[in-house]
Amino acid sequence: MAKAADLRSKSVDQLNERVLELKKEQFNLRFQKASGQLENTARVRQVRREIATIKTVLGQRVKSAQKEA
């Protein structure tokens, strides 16, 4: 799980790429859960929260950019 401070040091492209990776992982986890093959159930929550953290950081950047303009 990435910390928000670590995420703030990354570029917007890197963050968007990470969200895409996490969305793919989330998709695969949902299929594993539906078929009864999911072993680490806590990972679903971790992925969901990391996506939310990244989206929060991206939103903060947009908001700060709007204030500067």
Protein backbone atom coordinates (compact mmCIF):
# COMPACT_ATOMS: atom_id res chain seq x y z
CA MET A 1 0.00 0.00 0.00
CA ALA A 2 1.48 3.27 -1.10
CA LYS A 3 1.49 6.27 1.20
CA ALA A 4 0.01 9.53 -0.03
CA ALA A 5 3.36 11.29 0.46
CA ASP A 6 5.04 8.76 -1.85
CA LEU A 7 2.33 9.21 -4.45
CA ARG A 8 2.67 13.00 -4.45
CA SER A 9 6.25 12.66 -5.70
CA LYS A 10 5.11 10.79 -8.83
CA SER A 11 3.96 12.33 -12.08
CA VAL A 12 0.34 12.36 -13.23
CA ASP A 13 1.14 9.84 -15.98
CA GLN A 14 2.71 7.46 -13.46
CA LEU A 15 -0.31 7.75 -11.19
CA ASN A 16 -2.76 7.14 -14.03
CA GLU A 17 -0.74 4.11 -15.10
CA ARG A 18 -0.82 2.74 -11.54
CA VAL A 19 -4.60 3.21 -11.36
CA LEU A 20 -4.94 1.24 -14.60
CA GLU A 21 -2.82 -1.60 -13.18
CA LEU A 22 -4.86 -1.66 -9.99
CA LYS A 23 -8.15 -1.69 -11.91
CA LYS A 24 -6.94 -4.74 -13.84
CA GLU A 25 -5.93 -6.43 -10.60
CA GLN A 26 -9.30 -5.57 -9.07
CA PHE A 27 -11.05 -7.12 -12.07
CA ASN A 28 -9.04 -10.33 -11.69
CA LEU A 29 -9.69 -10.44 -7.95
CA ARG A 30 -13.44 -10.17 -8.55
CA PHE A 31 -13.31 -13.16 -10.90
CA GLN A 32 -11.26 -15.16 -8.42
CA LYS A 33 -13.77 -14.36 -5.68
CA ALA A 34 -16.72 -15.38 -7.85
CA SER A 35 -15.10 -18.71 -8.74
CA GLY A 36 -14.02 -19.42 -5.18
CA GLN A 37 -10.30 -19.27 -5.94
CA LEU A 38 -9.50 -16.09 -4.00
CA GLU A 39 -7.12 -16.86 -1.14
CA ASN A 40 -6.12 -13.41 0.08
CA THR A 41 -9.47 -11.71 0.60
CA ALA A 42 -7.86 -8.67 2.23
CA ARG A 43 -6.19 -7.78 -1.07
CA VAL A 44 -9.56 -6.68 -2.50
CA ARG A 45 -9.80 -3.99 0.17
CA GLN A 46 -6.16 -2.95 -0.22
CA VAL A 47 -6.53 -2.48 -3.97
CA ARG A 48 -9.75 -0.50 -3.58
CA ARG A 49 -8.18 1.80 -0.99
CA GLU A 50 -5.02 2.36 -3.01
CA ILE A 51 -7.11 3.38 -6.03
CA ALA A 52 -8.99 5.84 -3.81
CA THR A 53 -5.75 7.28 -2.42
CA ILE A 54 -4.32 7.83 -5.90
CA LYS A 55 -7.54 9.44 -7.12
CA THR A 56 -7.50 11.73 -4.08
CA VAL A 57 -3.94 12.86 -4.84
CA LEU A 58 -4.86 13.46 -8.49
CA GLY A 59 -7.90 15.48 -7.42
CA GLN A 60 -5.78 17.59 -5.09
CA ARG A 61 -3.41 18.36 -7.95
CA VAL A 62 -6.27 19.48 -10.18
CA LYS A 63 -7.67 21.65 -7.41
CA SER A 64 -4.31 23.30 -6.70
CA ALA A 65 -3.74 23.89 -10.41
CA GLN A 66 -7.11 25.64 -10.64
CA LYS A 67 -6.25 27.89 -7.71
CA GLU A 68 -2.97 28.91 -9.32
CA ALA A 69 -4.65 29.80 -12.62
